[in-house]
Amino acid sequence: EDLLAEFDSPCVMDCKMGVRTYLEEELIKARKKPSLRKDMYQ
């Protein structure tokens, strides 16, 4: 469903919920091969 269909020139806000935005398995995976990232340092 297009949630904007019933609105006229809507104002929209996106709020990301929760205390973290990564899965535990992503953290474990990233730790297994903790390559150094220059882009993330930047």
PDB file of all heavy atoms in Angstrom:
ATOM      1  N   GLU A   1       0.836  -1.191   0.000  1.00  0.00           N
ATOM      2  CA  GLU A   1       0.000   0.000   0.000  1.00  0.00           C
ATOM      3  C   GLU A   1       0.875   1.247   0.000  1.00  0.00           C
ATOM      4  O   GLU A   1       1.864   1.339   0.717  1.00  0.00           O
ATOM      5  CB  GLU A   1      -0.845  -0.066   1.281  1.00  0.00           C
ATOM      6  CG  GLU A   1      -1.653   1.152   1.594  1.00  0.00           C
ATOM      7  CD  GLU A   1      -2.228   1.091   3.017  1.00  0.00           C
ATOM      8  OE1 GLU A   1      -1.887   0.162   3.794  1.00  0.00           O
ATOM      9  OE2 GLU A   1      -3.005   1.988   3.346  1.00  0.00           O
ATOM     10  N   ASP A   2       0.484   2.224  -0.815  1.00  0.00           N
ATOM     11  CA  ASP A   2       1.160   3.518  -0.814  1.00  0.00           C
ATOM     12  C   ASP A   2       0.578   4.358   0.318  1.00  0.00           C
ATOM     13  O   ASP A   2      -0.551   4.838   0.240  1.00  0.00           O
ATOM     14  CB  ASP A   2       0.935   4.201  -2.162  1.00  0.00           C
ATOM     15  CG  ASP A   2       1.431   5.637  -2.180  1.00  0.00           C
ATOM     16  OD1 ASP A   2       2.100   6.035  -1.206  1.00  0.00           O
ATOM     17  OD2 ASP A   2       1.154   6.358  -3.152  1.00  0.00           O
ATOM     18  N   LEU A   3       1.344   4.508   1.382  1.00  0.00           N
ATOM     19  CA  LEU A   3       0.837   5.180   2.592  1.00  0.00           C
ATOM     20  C   LEU A   3       0.563   6.671   2.369  1.00  0.00           C
ATOM     21  O   LEU A   3      -0.147   7.294   3.135  1.00  0.00           O
ATOM     22  CB  LEU A   3       1.828   4.998   3.742  1.00  0.00           C
ATOM     23  CG  LEU A   3       2.087   3.549   4.159  1.00  0.00           C
ATOM     24  CD1 LEU A   3       3.200   3.481   5.195  1.00  0.00           C
ATOM     25  CD2 LEU A   3       0.829   2.881   4.695  1.00  0.00           C
ATOM     26  N   LEU A   4       1.149   7.243   1.285  1.00  0.00           N
ATOM     27  CA  LEU A   4       0.969   8.680   1.063  1.00  0.00           C
ATOM     28  C   LEU A   4      -0.289   9.004   0.271  1.00  0.00           C
ATOM     29  O   LEU A   4      -0.676  10.159   0.166  1.00  0.00           O
ATOM     30  CB  LEU A   4       2.171   9.248   0.293  1.00  0.00           C
ATOM     31  CG  LEU A   4       3.517   9.237   1.000  1.00  0.00           C
ATOM     32  CD1 LEU A   4       4.540   9.992   0.187  1.00  0.00           C
ATOM     33  CD2 LEU A   4       3.418   9.848   2.377  1.00  0.00           C
ATOM     34  N   ALA A   5      -0.934   7.967  -0.285  1.00  0.00           N
ATOM     35  CA  ALA A   5      -2.035   8.184  -1.234  1.00  0.00           C
ATOM     36  C   ALA A   5      -3.139   9.091  -0.688  1.00  0.00           C
ATOM     37  O   ALA A   5      -3.684   9.917  -1.415  1.00  0.00           O
ATOM     38  CB  ALA A   5      -2.607   6.847  -1.676  1.00  0.00           C
ATOM     39  N   GLU A   6      -3.461   8.969   0.595  1.00  0.00           N
ATOM     40  CA  GLU A   6      -4.604   9.731   1.118  1.00  0.00           C
ATOM     41  C   GLU A   6      -4.232  11.123   1.635  1.00  0.00           C
ATOM     42  O   GLU A   6      -5.068  11.844   2.158  1.00  0.00           O
ATOM     43  CB  GLU A   6      -5.290   8.928   2.238  1.00  0.00           C
ATOM     44  CG  GLU A   6      -4.379   8.626   3.413  1.00  0.00           C
ATOM     45  CD  GLU A   6      -5.055   7.775   4.494  1.00  0.00           C
ATOM     46  OE1 GLU A   6      -5.807   8.352   5.301  1.00  0.00           O
ATOM     47  OE2 GLU A   6      -4.803   6.554   4.532  1.00  0.00           O
ATOM     48  N   PHE A   7      -2.958  11.509   1.496  1.00  0.00           N
ATOM     49  CA  PHE A   7      -2.525  12.802   2.043  1.00  0.00           C
ATOM     50  C   PHE A   7      -2.293  13.831   0.947  1.00  0.00           C
ATOM     51  O   PHE A   7      -1.946  13.502  -0.181  1.00  0.00           O
ATOM     52  CB  PHE A   7      -1.236  12.620   2.851  1.00  0.00           C
ATOM     53  CG  PHE A   7      -1.423  11.812   4.104  1.00  0.00           C
ATOM     54  CD1 PHE A   7      -1.278  10.430   4.090  1.00  0.00           C
ATOM     55  CD2 PHE A   7      -1.759  12.429   5.301  1.00  0.00           C
ATOM     56  CE1 PHE A   7      -1.455   9.679   5.241  1.00  0.00           C
ATOM     57  CE2 PHE A   7      -1.944  11.687   6.457  1.00  0.00           C
ATOM     58  CZ  PHE A   7      -1.793  10.314   6.432  1.00  0.00           C
ATOM     59  N   ASP A   8      -2.444  15.097   1.330  1.00  0.00           N
ATOM     60  CA  ASP A   8      -2.274  16.203   0.413  1.00  0.00           C
ATOM     61  C   ASP A   8      -1.001  16.971   0.790  1.00  0.00           C
ATOM     62  O   ASP A   8      -0.933  17.560   1.867  1.00  0.00           O
ATOM     63  CB  ASP A   8      -3.520  17.104   0.552  1.00  0.00           C
ATOM     64  CG  ASP A   8      -3.496  18.262  -0.428  1.00  0.00           C
ATOM     65  OD1 ASP A   8      -2.701  18.206  -1.383  1.00  0.00           O
ATOM     66  OD2 ASP A   8      -4.265  19.219  -0.223  1.00  0.00           O
ATOM     67  N   SER A   9       0.018  16.957  -0.084  1.00  0.00           N
ATOM     68  CA  SER A   9       1.330  17.565   0.214  1.00  0.00           C
ATOM     69  C   SER A   9       1.812  17.224   1.624  1.00  0.00           C
ATOM     70  O   SER A   9       1.953  18.098   2.477  1.00  0.00           O
ATOM     71  CB  SER A   9       1.298  19.099   0.089  1.00  0.00           C
ATOM     72  OG  SER A   9       0.799  19.470  -1.155  1.00  0.00           O
ATOM     73  N   PRO A  10       2.044  15.938   1.884  1.00  0.00           N
ATOM     74  CA  PRO A  10       2.341  15.534   3.262  1.00  0.00           C
ATOM     75  C   PRO A  10       3.726  15.936   3.765  1.00  0.00           C
ATOM     76  O   PRO A  10       4.655  16.105   2.986  1.00  0.00           O
ATOM     77  CB  PRO A  10       2.231  14.008   3.206  1.00  0.00           C
ATOM     78  CG  PRO A  10       2.510  13.659   1.785  1.00  0.00           C
ATOM     79  CD  PRO A  10       2.023  14.797   0.954  1.00  0.00           C
ATOM     80  N   CYS A  11       3.802  16.086   5.083  1.00  0.00           N
ATOM     81  CA  CYS A  11       5.075  16.166   5.791  1.00  0.00           C
ATOM     82  C   CYS A  11       5.345  14.757   6.304  1.00  0.00           C
ATOM     83  O   CYS A  11       4.427  14.117   6.828  1.00  0.00           O
ATOM     84  CB  CYS A  11       4.988  17.101   6.983  1.00  0.00           C
ATOM     85  SG  CYS A  11       4.597  18.786   6.524  1.00  0.00           S
ATOM     86  N   VAL A  12       6.569  14.296   6.178  1.00  0.00           N
ATOM     87  CA  VAL A  12       6.886  12.912   6.521  1.00  0.00           C
ATOM     88  C   VAL A  12       8.135  12.860   7.390  1.00  0.00           C
ATOM     89  O   VAL A  12       9.103  13.571   7.130  1.00  0.00           O
ATOM     90  CB  VAL A  12       7.132  12.072   5.234  1.00  0.00           C
ATOM     91  CG1 VAL A  12       7.337  10.604   5.566  1.00  0.00           C
ATOM     92  CG2 VAL A  12       5.983  12.231   4.249  1.00  0.00           C
ATOM     93  N   MET A  13       8.089  12.010   8.425  1.00  0.00           N
ATOM     94  CA  MET A  13       9.278  11.780   9.243  1.00  0.00           C
ATOM     95  C   MET A  13       9.504  10.284   9.409  1.00  0.00           C
ATOM     96  O   MET A  13       8.562   9.520   9.579  1.00  0.00           O
ATOM     97  CB  MET A  13       9.111  12.402  10.632  1.00  0.00           C
ATOM     98  CG  MET A  13      10.342  12.192  11.523  1.00  0.00           C
ATOM     99  SD  MET A  13      10.014  12.551  13.268  1.00  0.00           S
ATOM    100  CE  MET A  13      10.339  14.289  13.351  1.00  0.00           C
ATOM    101  N   ASP A  14      10.775   9.898   9.312  1.00  0.00           N
ATOM    102  CA  ASP A  14      11.154   8.492   9.498  1.00  0.00           C
ATOM    103  C   ASP A  14      11.942   8.406  10.802  1.00  0.00           C
ATOM    104  O   ASP A  14      12.965   9.057  10.968  1.00  0.00           O
ATOM    105  CB  ASP A  14      12.029   8.071   8.303  1.00  0.00           C
ATOM    106  CG  ASP A  14      12.459   6.613   8.352  1.00  0.00           C
ATOM    107  OD1 ASP A  14      13.000   6.184   9.387  1.00  0.00           O
ATOM    108  OD2 ASP A  14      12.290   5.910   7.341  1.00  0.00           O
ATOM    109  N   CYS A  15      11.420   7.617  11.759  1.00  0.00           N
ATOM    110  CA  CYS A  15      12.120   7.385  13.033  1.00  0.00           C
ATOM    111  C   CYS A  15      12.545   5.935  13.099  1.00  0.00           C
ATOM    112  O   CYS A  15      11.691   5.040  13.075  1.00  0.00           O
ATOM    113  CB  CYS A  15      11.192   7.657  14.214  1.00  0.00           C
ATOM    114  SG  CYS A  15      11.170   9.359  14.715  1.00  0.00           S
ATOM    115  N   LYS A  16      13.835   5.695  13.202  1.00  0.00           N
ATOM    116  CA  LYS A  16      14.326   4.319  13.296  1.00  0.00           C
ATOM    117  C   LYS A  16      14.273   3.885  14.755  1.00  0.00           C
ATOM    118  O   LYS A  16      14.818   4.551  15.628  1.00  0.00           O
ATOM    119  CB  LYS A  16      15.746   4.235  12.741  1.00  0.00           C
ATOM    120  CG  LYS A  16      16.174   2.806  12.475  1.00  0.00           C
ATOM    121  CD  LYS A  16      17.408   2.751  11.592  1.00  0.00           C
ATOM    122  CE  LYS A  16      17.049   2.837  10.129  1.00  0.00           C
ATOM    123  NZ  LYS A  16      18.008   2.178   9.264  1.00  0.00           N
ATOM    124  N   MET A  17      13.606   2.761  15.006  1.00  0.00           N
ATOM    125  CA  MET A  17      13.328   2.331  16.377  1.00  0.00           C
ATOM    126  C   MET A  17      14.377   1.348  16.902  1.00  0.00           C
ATOM    127  O   MET A  17      14.958   0.576  16.140  1.00  0.00           O
ATOM    128  CB  MET A  17      11.951   1.667  16.435  1.00  0.00           C
ATOM    129  CG  MET A  17      10.813   2.585  16.000  1.00  0.00           C
ATOM    130  SD  MET A  17      10.716   4.112  16.968  1.00  0.00           S
ATOM    131  CE  MET A  17      10.235   3.450  18.574  1.00  0.00           C
ATOM    132  N   GLY A  18      14.552   1.379  18.241  1.00  0.00           N
ATOM    133  CA  GLY A  18      15.419   0.406  18.899  1.00  0.00           C
ATOM    134  C   GLY A  18      16.742   0.991  19.359  1.00  0.00           C
ATOM    135  O   GLY A  18      17.109   2.105  18.985  1.00  0.00           O
ATOM    136  N   VAL A  19      17.450   0.213  20.201  1.00  0.00           N
ATOM    137  CA  VAL A  19      18.706   0.692  20.779  1.00  0.00           C
ATOM    138  C   VAL A  19      19.921   0.348  19.913  1.00  0.00           C
ATOM    139  O   VAL A  19      21.038   0.731  20.228  1.00  0.00           O
ATOM    140  CB  VAL A  19      18.947   0.102  22.190  1.00  0.00           C
ATOM    141  CG1 VAL A  19      17.999   0.726  23.192  1.00  0.00           C
ATOM    142  CG2 VAL A  19      18.826  -1.409  22.200  1.00  0.00           C
ATOM    143  N   ARG A  20      19.692  -0.394  18.847  1.00  0.00           N
ATOM    144  CA  ARG A  20      20.787  -0.668  17.889  1.00  0.00           C
ATOM    145  C   ARG A  20      20.179  -0.904  16.524  1.00  0.00           C
ATOM    146  O   ARG A  20      18.999  -1.269  16.411  1.00  0.00           O
ATOM    147  CB  ARG A  20      21.611  -1.882  18.334  1.00  0.00           C
ATOM    148  CG  ARG A  20      20.820  -3.139  18.469  1.00  0.00           C
ATOM    149  CD  ARG A  20      21.573  -4.284  19.167  1.00  0.00           C
ATOM    150  NE  ARG A  20      20.625  -5.288  19.629  1.00  0.00           N
ATOM    151  CZ  ARG A  20      20.272  -6.357  18.935  1.00  0.00           C
ATOM    152  NH1 ARG A  20      20.823  -6.597  17.757  1.00  0.00           N
ATOM    153  NH2 ARG A  20      19.380  -7.212  19.408  1.00  0.00           N
ATOM    154  N   THR A  21      20.963  -0.674  15.489  1.00  0.00           N
ATOM    155  CA  THR A  21      20.431  -0.814  14.131  1.00  0.00           C
ATOM    156  C   THR A  21      21.125  -1.957  13.381  1.00  0.00           C
ATOM    157  O   THR A  21      21.010  -2.072  12.178  1.00  0.00           O
ATOM    158  CB  THR A  21      20.583   0.501  13.341  1.00  0.00           C
ATOM    159  OG1 THR A  21      21.958   0.857  13.320  1.00  0.00           O
ATOM    160  CG2 THR A  21      19.790   1.627  13.982  1.00  0.00           C
ATOM    161  N   TYR A  22      21.870  -2.773  14.124  1.00  0.00           N
ATOM    162  CA  TYR A  22      22.497  -3.946  13.504  1.00  0.00           C
ATOM    163  C   TYR A  22      22.053  -5.187  14.257  1.00  0.00           C
ATOM    164  O   TYR A  22      21.746  -5.126  15.450  1.00  0.00           O
ATOM    165  CB  TYR A  22      24.032  -3.830  13.530  1.00  0.00           C
ATOM    166  CG  TYR A  22      24.590  -3.516  14.893  1.00  0.00           C
ATOM    167  CD1 TYR A  22      24.797  -4.519  15.835  1.00  0.00           C
ATOM    168  CD2 TYR A  22      24.887  -2.202  15.259  1.00  0.00           C
ATOM    169  CE1 TYR A  22      25.277  -4.225  17.102  1.00  0.00           C
ATOM    170  CE2 TYR A  22      25.369  -1.900  16.525  1.00  0.00           C
ATOM    171  CZ  TYR A  22      25.558  -2.922  17.436  1.00  0.00           C
ATOM    172  OH  TYR A  22      26.027  -2.638  18.687  1.00  0.00           O
ATOM    173  N   LEU A  23      22.036  -6.302  13.555  1.00  0.00           N
ATOM    174  CA  LEU A  23      21.694  -7.584  14.179  1.00  0.00           C
ATOM    175  C   LEU A  23      22.895  -8.114  14.933  1.00  0.00           C
ATOM    176  O   LEU A  23      24.040  -7.831  14.559  1.00  0.00           O
ATOM    177  CB  LEU A  23      21.294  -8.601  13.101  1.00  0.00           C
ATOM    178  CG  LEU A  23      19.987  -8.326  12.360  1.00  0.00           C
ATOM    179  CD1 LEU A  23      19.940  -9.110  11.061  1.00  0.00           C
ATOM    180  CD2 LEU A  23      18.800  -8.692  13.240  1.00  0.00           C
ATOM    181  N   GLU A  24      22.651  -8.907  15.951  1.00  0.00           N
ATOM    182  CA  GLU A  24      23.764  -9.527  16.688  1.00  0.00           C
ATOM    183  C   GLU A  24      24.651 -10.332  15.733  1.00  0.00           C
ATOM    184  O   GLU A  24      25.867 -10.321  15.846  1.00  0.00           O
ATOM    185  CB  GLU A  24      23.227 -10.435  17.797  1.00  0.00           C
ATOM    186  CG  GLU A  24      22.712  -9.662  18.983  1.00  0.00           C
ATOM    187  CD  GLU A  24      22.545 -10.524  20.229  1.00  0.00           C
ATOM    188  OE1 GLU A  24      22.793 -11.738  20.154  1.00  0.00           O
ATOM    189  OE2 GLU A  24      22.171  -9.971  21.277  1.00  0.00           O
ATOM    190  N   GLU A  25      24.004 -11.004  14.773  1.00  0.00           N
ATOM    191  CA  GLU A  25      24.799 -11.845  13.855  1.00  0.00           C
ATOM    192  C   GLU A  25      25.718 -10.995  12.971  1.00  0.00           C
ATOM    193  O   GLU A  25      26.792 -11.432  12.579  1.00  0.00           O
ATOM    194  CB  GLU A  25      23.894 -12.744  13.011  1.00  0.00           C
ATOM    195  CG  GLU A  25      22.957 -12.010  12.091  1.00  0.00           C
ATOM    196  CD  GLU A  25      21.882 -12.920  11.484  1.00  0.00           C
ATOM    197  OE1 GLU A  25      21.150 -13.582  12.247  1.00  0.00           O
ATOM    198  OE2 GLU A  25      21.804 -12.953  10.253  1.00  0.00           O
ATOM    199  N   GLU A  26      25.302  -9.741  12.689  1.00  0.00           N
ATOM    200  CA  GLU A  26      26.161  -8.844  11.895  1.00  0.00           C
ATOM    201  C   GLU A  26      27.415  -8.485  12.685  1.00  0.00           C
ATOM    202  O   GLU A  26      28.501  -8.364  12.126  1.00  0.00           O
ATOM    203  CB  GLU A  26      25.407  -7.563  11.525  1.00  0.00           C
ATOM    204  CG  GLU A  26      24.324  -7.745  10.484  1.00  0.00           C
ATOM    205  CD  GLU A  26      23.617  -6.431  10.184  1.00  0.00           C
ATOM    206  OE1 GLU A  26      22.687  -6.068  10.935  1.00  0.00           O
ATOM    207  OE2 GLU A  26      24.002  -5.771   9.214  1.00  0.00           O
ATOM    208  N   LEU A  27      27.226  -8.280  13.986  1.00  0.00           N
ATOM    209  CA  LEU A  27      28.354  -7.939  14.856  1.00  0.00           C
ATOM    210  C   LEU A  27      29.327  -9.115  14.943  1.00  0.00           C
ATOM    211  O   LEU A  27      30.546  -8.944  14.826  1.00  0.00           O
ATOM    212  CB  LEU A  27      27.812  -7.574  16.243  1.00  0.00           C
ATOM    213  CG  LEU A  27      28.754  -6.889  17.224  1.00  0.00           C
ATOM    214  CD1 LEU A  27      29.293  -5.592  16.661  1.00  0.00           C
ATOM    215  CD2 LEU A  27      28.043  -6.620  18.544  1.00  0.00           C
ATOM    216  N   ILE A  28      28.783 -10.308  15.123  1.00  0.00           N
ATOM    217  CA  ILE A  28      29.608 -11.526  15.220  1.00  0.00           C
ATOM    218  C   ILE A  28      30.388 -11.724  13.911  1.00  0.00           C
ATOM    219  O   ILE A  28      31.588 -12.005  13.922  1.00  0.00           O
ATOM    220  CB  ILE A  28      28.716 -12.757  15.539  1.00  0.00           C
ATOM    221  CG1 ILE A  28      28.135 -12.622  16.965  1.00  0.00           C
ATOM    222  CG2 ILE A  28      29.492 -14.063  15.405  1.00  0.00           C
ATOM    223  CD1 ILE A  28      26.899 -13.486  17.235  1.00  0.00           C
ATOM    224  N   LYS A  29      29.681 -11.548  12.799  1.00  0.00           N
ATOM    225  CA  LYS A  29      30.308 -11.719  11.479  1.00  0.00           C
ATOM    226  C   LYS A  29      31.427 -10.692  11.273  1.00  0.00           C
ATOM    227  O   LYS A  29      32.515 -11.019  10.807  1.00  0.00           O
ATOM    228  CB  LYS A  29      29.228 -11.530  10.402  1.00  0.00           C
ATOM    229  CG  LYS A  29      29.578 -12.163   9.066  1.00  0.00           C
ATOM    230  CD  LYS A  29      28.320 -12.249   8.223  1.00  0.00           C
ATOM    231  CE  LYS A  29      28.610 -11.765   6.810  1.00  0.00           C
ATOM    232  NZ  LYS A  29      27.382 -11.557   6.053  1.00  0.00           N
ATOM    233  N   ALA A  30      31.150  -9.448  11.654  1.00  0.00           N
ATOM    234  CA  ALA A  30      32.153  -8.385  11.486  1.00  0.00           C
ATOM    235  C   ALA A  30      33.375  -8.644  12.360  1.00  0.00           C
ATOM    236  O   ALA A  30      34.502  -8.302  11.998  1.00  0.00           O
ATOM    237  CB  ALA A  30      31.533  -7.033  11.827  1.00  0.00           C
ATOM    238  N   ARG A  31      33.151  -9.291  13.517  1.00  0.00           N
ATOM    239  CA  ARG A  31      34.261  -9.594  14.425  1.00  0.00           C
ATOM    240  C   ARG A  31      35.143 -10.718  13.912  1.00  0.00           C
ATOM    241  O   ARG A  31      36.328 -10.761  14.189  1.00  0.00           O
ATOM    242  CB  ARG A  31      33.708 -10.016  15.781  1.00  0.00           C
ATOM    243  CG  ARG A  31      33.510  -8.845  16.689  1.00  0.00           C
ATOM    244  CD  ARG A  31      33.603  -9.285  18.135  1.00  0.00           C
ATOM    245  NE  ARG A  31      32.893  -8.309  18.940  1.00  0.00           N
ATOM    246  CZ  ARG A  31      31.721  -8.523  19.490  1.00  0.00           C
ATOM    247  NH1 ARG A  31      31.121  -9.681  19.354  1.00  0.00           N
ATOM    248  NH2 ARG A  31      31.139  -7.580  20.199  1.00  0.00           N
ATOM    249  N   LYS A  32      34.529 -11.646  13.203  1.00  0.00           N
ATOM    250  CA  LYS A  32      35.288 -12.804  12.705  1.00  0.00           C
ATOM    251  C   LYS A  32      36.390 -12.357  11.764  1.00  0.00           C
ATOM    252  O   LYS A  32      37.465 -12.915  11.745  1.00  0.00           O
ATOM    253  CB  LYS A  32      34.345 -13.781  11.990  1.00  0.00           C
ATOM    254  CG  LYS A  32      33.745 -14.785  12.973  1.00  0.00           C
ATOM    255  CD  LYS A  32      32.904 -15.820  12.264  1.00  0.00           C
ATOM    256  CE  LYS A  32      32.180 -16.707  13.259  1.00  0.00           C
ATOM    257  NZ  LYS A  32      30.865 -17.124  12.757  1.00  0.00           N
ATOM    258  N   LYS A  33      36.073 -11.361  10.940  1.00  0.00           N
ATOM    259  CA  LYS A  33      37.079 -10.828  10.022  1.00  0.00           C
ATOM    260  C   LYS A  33      37.166  -9.328  10.249  1.00  0.00           C
ATOM    261  O   LYS A  33      36.672  -8.547   9.438  1.00  0.00           O
ATOM    262  CB  LYS A  33      36.673 -11.129   8.572  1.00  0.00           C
ATOM    263  CG  LYS A  33      36.911 -12.567   8.158  1.00  0.00           C
ATOM    264  CD  LYS A  33      36.656 -12.762   6.673  1.00  0.00           C
ATOM    265  CE  LYS A  33      35.184 -12.855   6.384  1.00  0.00           C
ATOM    266  NZ  LYS A  33      34.821 -13.296   5.058  1.00  0.00           N
ATOM    267  N   PRO A  34      37.760  -8.918  11.364  1.00  0.00           N
ATOM    268  CA  PRO A  34      37.738  -7.488  11.680  1.00  0.00           C
ATOM    269  C   PRO A  34      38.749  -6.693  10.849  1.00  0.00           C
ATOM    270  O   PRO A  34      39.757  -6.234  11.347  1.00  0.00           O
ATOM    271  CB  PRO A  34      38.071  -7.450  13.171  1.00  0.00           C
ATOM    272  CG  PRO A  34      38.896  -8.672  13.392  1.00  0.00           C
ATOM    273  CD  PRO A  34      38.524  -9.674  12.347  1.00  0.00           C
ATOM    274  N   SER A  35      38.476  -6.593   9.553  1.00  0.00           N
ATOM    275  CA  SER A  35      39.408  -5.861   8.689  1.00  0.00           C
ATOM    276  C   SER A  35      39.352  -4.370   9.042  1.00  0.00           C
ATOM    277  O   SER A  35      38.327  -3.856   9.471  1.00  0.00           O
ATOM    278  CB  SER A  35      39.038  -6.066   7.226  1.00  0.00           C
ATOM    279  OG  SER A  35      37.688  -5.704   7.038  1.00  0.00           O
ATOM    280  N   LEU A  36      40.473  -3.701   8.857  1.00  0.00           N
ATOM    281  CA  LEU A  36      40.537  -2.273   9.168  1.00  0.00           C
ATOM    282  C   LEU A  36      39.910  -1.479   8.034  1.00  0.00           C
ATOM    283  O   LEU A  36      40.221  -1.683   6.865  1.00  0.00           O
ATOM    284  CB  LEU A  36      41.999  -1.851   9.373  1.00  0.00           C
ATOM    285  CG  LEU A  36      42.626  -2.386  10.672  1.00  0.00           C
ATOM    286  CD1 LEU A  36      44.133  -2.224  10.653  1.00  0.00           C
ATOM    287  CD2 LEU A  36      42.032  -1.657  11.881  1.00  0.00           C
ATOM    288  N   ARG A  37      39.028  -0.564   8.406  1.00  0.00           N
ATOM    289  CA  ARG A  37      38.288   0.207   7.399  1.00  0.00           C
ATOM    290  C   ARG A  37      38.670   1.684   7.453  1.00  0.00           C
ATOM    291  O   ARG A  37      38.315   2.389   8.390  1.00  0.00           O
ATOM    292  CB  ARG A  37      36.788   0.037   7.647  1.00  0.00           C
ATOM    293  CG  ARG A  37      36.284  -1.397   7.519  1.00  0.00           C
ATOM    294  CD  ARG A  37      36.098  -1.797   6.067  1.00  0.00           C
ATOM    295  NE  ARG A  37      35.097  -0.961   5.420  1.00  0.00           N
ATOM    296  CZ  ARG A  37      33.808  -1.306   5.264  1.00  0.00           C
ATOM    297  NH1 ARG A  37      33.383  -2.481   5.716  1.00  0.00           N
ATOM    298  NH2 ARG A  37      32.960  -0.501   4.676  1.00  0.00           N
ATOM    299  N   LYS A  38      39.374   2.138   6.426  1.00  0.00           N
ATOM    300  CA  LYS A  38      39.760   3.549   6.357  1.00  0.00           C
ATOM    301  C   LYS A  38      38.537   4.433   6.088  1.00  0.00           C
ATOM    302  O   LYS A  38      38.441   5.549   6.584  1.00  0.00           O
ATOM    303  CB  LYS A  38      40.816   3.766   5.270  1.00  0.00           C
ATOM    304  CG  LYS A  38      42.167   3.153   5.660  1.00  0.00           C
ATOM    305  CD  LYS A  38      43.284   3.595   4.732  1.00  0.00           C
ATOM    306  CE  LYS A  38      44.623   2.935   5.058  1.00  0.00           C
ATOM    307  NZ  LYS A  38      45.109   3.206   6.429  1.00  0.00           N
ATOM    308  N   ASP A  39      37.582   3.913   5.298  1.00  0.00           N
ATOM    309  CA  ASP A  39      36.379   4.699   4.975  1.00  0.00           C
ATOM    310  C   ASP A  39      35.549   4.975   6.235  1.00  0.00           C
ATOM    311  O   ASP A  39      35.005   6.064   6.409  1.00  0.00           O
ATOM    312  CB  ASP A  39      35.521   3.986   3.913  1.00  0.00           C
ATOM    313  CG  ASP A  39      35.081   2.580   4.330  1.00  0.00           C
ATOM    314  OD1 ASP A  39      35.809   1.929   5.106  1.00  0.00           O
ATOM    315  OD2 ASP A  39      34.019   2.121   3.867  1.00  0.00           O
ATOM    316  N   MET A  40      35.480   3.983   7.123  1.00  0.00           N
ATOM    317  CA  MET A  40      34.697   4.163   8.349  1.00  0.00           C
ATOM    318  C   MET A  40      35.400   5.118   9.320  1.00  0.00           C
ATOM    319  O   MET A  40      34.752   5.870  10.047  1.00  0.00           O
ATOM    320  CB  MET A  40      34.393   2.817   9.005  1.00  0.00           C
ATOM    321  CG  MET A  40      33.363   2.034   8.210  1.00  0.00           C
ATOM    322  SD  MET A  40      33.010   0.409   8.880  1.00  0.00           S
ATOM    323  CE  MET A  40      31.723  -0.127   7.726  1.00  0.00           C
ATOM    324  N   TYR A  41      36.733   5.083   9.300  1.00  0.00           N
ATOM    325  CA  TYR A  41      37.508   6.030  10.103  1.00  0.00           C
ATOM    326  C   TYR A  41      37.206   7.461   9.632  1.00  0.00           C
ATOM    327  O   TYR A  41      36.979   8.367  10.441  1.00  0.00           O
ATOM    328  CB  TYR A  41      39.004   5.730   9.966  1.00  0.00           C
ATOM    329  CG  TYR A  41      39.905   6.753  10.620  1.00  0.00           C
ATOM    330  CD1 TYR A  41      40.181   6.701  11.989  1.00  0.00           C
ATOM    331  CD2 TYR A  41      40.481   7.787   9.874  1.00  0.00           C
ATOM    332  CE1 TYR A  41      41.014   7.642  12.594  1.00  0.00           C
ATOM    333  CE2 TYR A  41      41.302   8.734  10.471  1.00  0.00           C
ATOM    334  CZ  TYR A  41      41.569   8.661  11.833  1.00  0.00           C
ATOM    335  OH  TYR A  41      42.370   9.591  12.426  1.00  0.00           O
ATOM    336  N   GLN A  42      37.177   7.641   8.312  1.00  0.00           N
ATOM    337  CA  GLN A  42      36.878   8.961   7.732  1.00  0.00           C
ATOM    338  C   GLN A  42      35.501   9.452   8.174  1.00  0.00           C
ATOM    339  O   GLN A  42      35.332  10.594   8.589  1.00  0.00           O
ATOM    340  CB  GLN A  42      36.924   8.911   6.190  1.00  0.00           C
ATOM    341  CG  GLN A  42      38.324   8.934   5.592  1.00  0.00           C
ATOM    342  CD  GLN A  42      39.165  10.110   6.087  1.00  0.00           C
ATOM    343  OE1 GLN A  42      38.675  11.226   6.271  1.00  0.00           O
ATOM    344  NE2 GLN A  42      40.446   9.866   6.333  1.00  0.00           N
TER     345      GLN A  42
END
